[in-house]
Amino acid sequence: MVATVAWSVISPLSAQSVSERSRSIDIPDFTRGAWQTAQPLGIVS
């Protein structure tokens, strides 16, 4: 679900960036920092 929410915010943030002369816009951290301590999935060596 977090991935879906993260992708759904791309269009509005892109529009905001364009309307503000291509200013960088921070993407909200929907994981509340959990991505920093996530364990590797082991699918890439």
PDB file of N, CA and C in Angstrom:
ATOM      1  N   MET A   1       0.818  -1.193   0.000  1.00  0.00           N
ATOM      2  CA  MET A   1       0.000   0.000   0.000  1.00  0.00           C
ATOM      3  C   MET A   1       0.864   1.261   0.000  1.00  0.00           C
ATOM      4  N   VAL A   2       1.964   1.235   0.720  1.00  0.00           N
ATOM      5  CA  VAL A   2       2.831   2.418   0.766  1.00  0.00           C
ATOM      6  C   VAL A   2       3.324   2.760  -0.633  1.00  0.00           C
ATOM      7  N   ALA A   3       3.668   1.748  -1.422  1.00  0.00           N
ATOM      8  CA  ALA A   3       4.149   2.004  -2.783  1.00  0.00           C
ATOM      9  C   ALA A   3       3.074   2.681  -3.621  1.00  0.00           C
ATOM     10  N   THR A   4       1.827   2.250  -3.458  1.00  0.00           N
ATOM     11  CA  THR A   4       0.719   2.857  -4.201  1.00  0.00           C
ATOM     12  C   THR A   4       0.557   4.326  -3.828  1.00  0.00           C
ATOM     13  N   VAL A   5       0.614   4.603  -2.545  1.00  0.00           N
ATOM     14  CA  VAL A   5       0.485   5.991  -2.081  1.00  0.00           C
ATOM     15  C   VAL A   5       1.650   6.826  -2.598  1.00  0.00           C
ATOM     16  N   ALA A   6       2.842   6.272  -2.538  1.00  0.00           N
ATOM     17  CA  ALA A   6       4.016   7.011  -3.003  1.00  0.00           C
ATOM     18  C   ALA A   6       3.908   7.346  -4.485  1.00  0.00           C
ATOM     19  N   TRP A   7       3.458   6.394  -5.291  1.00  0.00           N
ATOM     20  CA  TRP A   7       3.318   6.654  -6.726  1.00  0.00           C
ATOM     21  C   TRP A   7       2.195   7.634  -7.013  1.00  0.00           C
ATOM     22  N   SER A   8       1.125   7.617  -6.213  1.00  0.00           N
ATOM     23  CA  SER A   8      -0.005   8.509  -6.479  1.00  0.00           C
ATOM     24  C   SER A   8       0.326   9.970  -6.190  1.00  0.00           C
ATOM     25  N   VAL A   9       1.381  10.219  -5.461  1.00  0.00           N
ATOM     26  CA  VAL A   9       1.751  11.592  -5.127  1.00  0.00           C
ATOM     27  C   VAL A   9       2.665  12.212  -6.193  1.00  0.00           C
ATOM     28  N   ILE A  10       3.174  11.387  -7.103  1.00  0.00           N
ATOM     29  CA  ILE A  10       4.119  11.880  -8.107  1.00  0.00           C
ATOM     30  C   ILE A  10       3.497  12.943  -9.014  1.00  0.00           C
ATOM     31  N   SER A  11       2.299  12.688  -9.530  1.00  0.00           N
ATOM     32  CA  SER A  11       1.669  13.660 -10.446  1.00  0.00           C
ATOM     33  C   SER A  11       1.415  15.015  -9.788  1.00  0.00           C
ATOM     34  N   PRO A  12       0.780  15.057  -8.608  1.00  0.00           N
ATOM     35  CA  PRO A  12       0.564  16.373  -7.989  1.00  0.00           C
ATOM     36  C   PRO A  12       1.865  17.105  -7.652  1.00  0.00           C
ATOM     37  N   LEU A  13       2.869  16.361  -7.194  1.00  0.00           N
ATOM     38  CA  LEU A  13       4.134  17.015  -6.864  1.00  0.00           C
ATOM     39  C   LEU A  13       4.853  17.491  -8.121  1.00  0.00           C
ATOM     40  N   SER A  14       4.732  16.727  -9.203  1.00  0.00           N
ATOM     41  CA  SER A  14       5.313  17.168 -10.477  1.00  0.00           C
ATOM     42  C   SER A  14       4.643  18.444 -10.953  1.00  0.00           C
ATOM     43  N   ALA A  15       3.319  18.489 -10.854  1.00  0.00           N
ATOM     44  CA  ALA A  15       2.587  19.694 -11.255  1.00  0.00           C
ATOM     45  C   ALA A  15       2.999  20.887 -10.399  1.00  0.00           C
ATOM     46  N   GLN A  16       3.171  20.660  -9.109  1.00  0.00           N
ATOM     47  CA  GLN A  16       3.602  21.740  -8.220  1.00  0.00           C
ATOM     48  C   GLN A  16       4.985  22.230  -8.612  1.00  0.00           C
ATOM     49  N   SER A  17       5.882  21.290  -8.903  1.00  0.00           N
ATOM     50  CA  SER A  17       7.234  21.652  -9.299  1.00  0.00           C
ATOM     51  C   SER A  17       7.227  22.491 -10.574  1.00  0.00           C
ATOM     52  N   VAL A  18       6.454  22.049 -11.563  1.00  0.00           N
ATOM     53  CA  VAL A  18       6.380  22.783 -12.830  1.00  0.00           C
ATOM     54  C   VAL A  18       5.805  24.176 -12.614  1.00  0.00           C
ATOM     55  N   SER A  19       4.767  24.271 -11.781  1.00  0.00           N
ATOM     56  CA  SER A  19       4.145  25.579 -11.547  1.00  0.00           C
ATOM     57  C   SER A  19       5.061  26.528 -10.784  1.00  0.00           C
ATOM     58  N   GLU A  20       6.059  25.964 -10.116  1.00  0.00           N
ATOM     59  CA  GLU A  20       7.018  26.786  -9.371  1.00  0.00           C
ATOM     60  C   GLU A  20       8.370  26.837 -10.079  1.00  0.00           C
ATOM     61  N   ARG A  21       8.315  26.850 -11.422  1.00  0.00           N
ATOM     62  CA  ARG A  21       9.511  26.993 -12.258  1.00  0.00           C
ATOM     63  C   ARG A  21      10.515  25.872 -12.038  1.00  0.00           C
ATOM     64  N   SER A  22      10.016  24.631 -11.947  1.00  0.00           N
ATOM     65  CA  SER A  22      10.820  23.408 -11.817  1.00  0.00           C
ATOM     66  C   SER A  22      11.592  23.327 -10.503  1.00  0.00           C
ATOM     67  N   ARG A  23      11.029  23.933  -9.465  1.00  0.00           N
ATOM     68  CA  ARG A  23      11.649  23.858  -8.140  1.00  0.00           C
ATOM     69  C   ARG A  23      11.585  22.419  -7.638  1.00  0.00           C
ATOM     70  N   SER A  24      12.615  21.957  -6.948  1.00  0.00           N
ATOM     71  CA  SER A  24      12.606  20.626  -6.338  1.00  0.00           C
ATOM     72  C   SER A  24      11.557  20.573  -5.239  1.00  0.00           C
ATOM     73  N   ILE A  25      10.817  19.483  -5.192  1.00  0.00           N
ATOM     74  CA  ILE A  25       9.772  19.289  -4.196  1.00  0.00           C
ATOM     75  C   ILE A  25      10.098  18.017  -3.414  1.00  0.00           C
ATOM     76  N   ASP A  26      10.066  18.094  -2.096  1.00  0.00           N
ATOM     77  CA  ASP A  26      10.313  16.908  -1.275  1.00  0.00           C
ATOM     78  C   ASP A  26       9.135  15.950  -1.358  1.00  0.00           C
ATOM     79  N   ILE A  27       9.437  14.660  -1.467  1.00  0.00           N
ATOM     80  CA  ILE A  27       8.402  13.627  -1.452  1.00  0.00           C
ATOM     81  C   ILE A  27       8.197  13.214  -0.001  1.00  0.00           C
ATOM     82  N   PRO A  28       6.960  13.197   0.474  1.00  0.00           N
ATOM     83  CA  PRO A  28       6.701  12.820   1.867  1.00  0.00           C
ATOM     84  C   PRO A  28       7.175  11.399   2.166  1.00  0.00           C
ATOM     85  N   ASP A  29       7.643  11.169   3.374  1.00  0.00           N
ATOM     86  CA  ASP A  29       8.076   9.836   3.808  1.00  0.00           C
ATOM     87  C   ASP A  29       6.879   9.113   4.420  1.00  0.00           C
ATOM     88  N   PHE A  30       6.179   8.344   3.597  1.00  0.00           N
ATOM     89  CA  PHE A  30       4.997   7.625   4.059  1.00  0.00           C
ATOM     90  C   PHE A  30       5.345   6.450   4.967  1.00  0.00           C
ATOM     91  N   THR A  31       6.640   6.091   5.047  1.00  0.00           N
ATOM     92  CA  THR A  31       7.056   4.977   5.907  1.00  0.00           C
ATOM     93  C   THR A  31       7.426   5.448   7.308  1.00  0.00           C
ATOM     94  N   ARG A  32       7.398   6.761   7.532  1.00  0.00           N
ATOM     95  CA  ARG A  32       7.804   7.358   8.817  1.00  0.00           C
ATOM     96  C   ARG A  32       9.212   6.915   9.225  1.00  0.00           C
ATOM     97  N   GLY A  33      10.093   6.824   8.253  1.00  0.00           N
ATOM     98  CA  GLY A  33      11.488   6.489   8.514  1.00  0.00           C
ATOM     99  C   GLY A  33      11.806   5.008   8.532  1.00  0.00           C
ATOM    100  N   ALA A  34      10.803   4.150   8.363  1.00  0.00           N
ATOM    101  CA  ALA A  34      11.034   2.701   8.415  1.00  0.00           C
ATOM    102  C   ALA A  34      11.952   2.223   7.290  1.00  0.00           C
ATOM    103  N   TRP A  35      12.034   2.960   6.201  1.00  0.00           N
ATOM    104  CA  TRP A  35      12.892   2.554   5.091  1.00  0.00           C
ATOM    105  C   TRP A  35      14.360   2.539   5.497  1.00  0.00           C
ATOM    106  N   GLN A  36      14.714   3.309   6.523  1.00  0.00           N
ATOM    107  CA  GLN A  36      16.110   3.388   6.944  1.00  0.00           C
ATOM    108  C   GLN A  36      16.577   2.134   7.671  1.00  0.00           C
ATOM    109  N   THR A  37      15.657   1.374   8.240  1.00  0.00           N
ATOM    110  CA  THR A  37      16.032   0.171   8.990  1.00  0.00           C
ATOM    111  C   THR A  37      15.478  -1.101   8.362  1.00  0.00           C
ATOM    112  N   ALA A  38      14.976  -1.018   7.140  1.00  0.00           N
ATOM    113  CA  ALA A  38      14.417  -2.201   6.469  1.00  0.00           C
ATOM    114  C   ALA A  38      15.519  -3.215   6.183  1.00  0.00           C
ATOM    115  N   GLN A  39      15.199  -4.473   6.367  1.00  0.00           N
ATOM    116  CA  GLN A  39      16.147  -5.550   6.095  1.00  0.00           C
ATOM    117  C   GLN A  39      16.209  -5.807   4.589  1.00  0.00           C
ATOM    118  N   PRO A  40      17.395  -6.127   4.057  1.00  0.00           N
ATOM    119  CA  PRO A  40      17.512  -6.447   2.635  1.00  0.00           C
ATOM    120  C   PRO A  40      16.660  -7.671   2.294  1.00  0.00           C
ATOM    121  N   LEU A  41      16.118  -7.692   1.090  1.00  0.00           N
ATOM    122  CA  LEU A  41      15.287  -8.813   0.659  1.00  0.00           C
ATOM    123  C   LEU A  41      16.109 -10.011   0.201  1.00  0.00           C
ATOM    124  N   GLY A  42      17.378  -9.805  -0.092  1.00  0.00           N
ATOM    125  CA  GLY A  42      18.238 -10.907  -0.499  1.00  0.00           C
ATOM    126  C   GLY A  42      18.032 -11.330  -1.946  1.00  0.00           C
ATOM    127  N   ILE A  43      17.411 -10.491  -2.748  1.00  0.00           N
ATOM    128  CA  ILE A  43      17.178 -10.857  -4.141  1.00  0.00           C
ATOM    129  C   ILE A  43      18.270 -10.332  -5.063  1.00  0.00           C
ATOM    130  N   VAL A  44      19.131  -9.473  -4.532  1.00  0.00           N
ATOM    131  CA  VAL A  44      20.250  -8.945  -5.301  1.00  0.00           C
ATOM    132  C   VAL A  44      21.518  -9.221  -4.512  1.00  0.00           C
ATOM    133  N   SER A  45      22.493  -9.777  -5.191  1.00  0.00           N
ATOM    134  CA  SER A  45      23.745 -10.071  -4.469  1.00  0.00           C
ATOM    135  C   SER A  45      24.848  -9.129  -4.883  1.00  0.00           C
TER     136      SER A  45
END
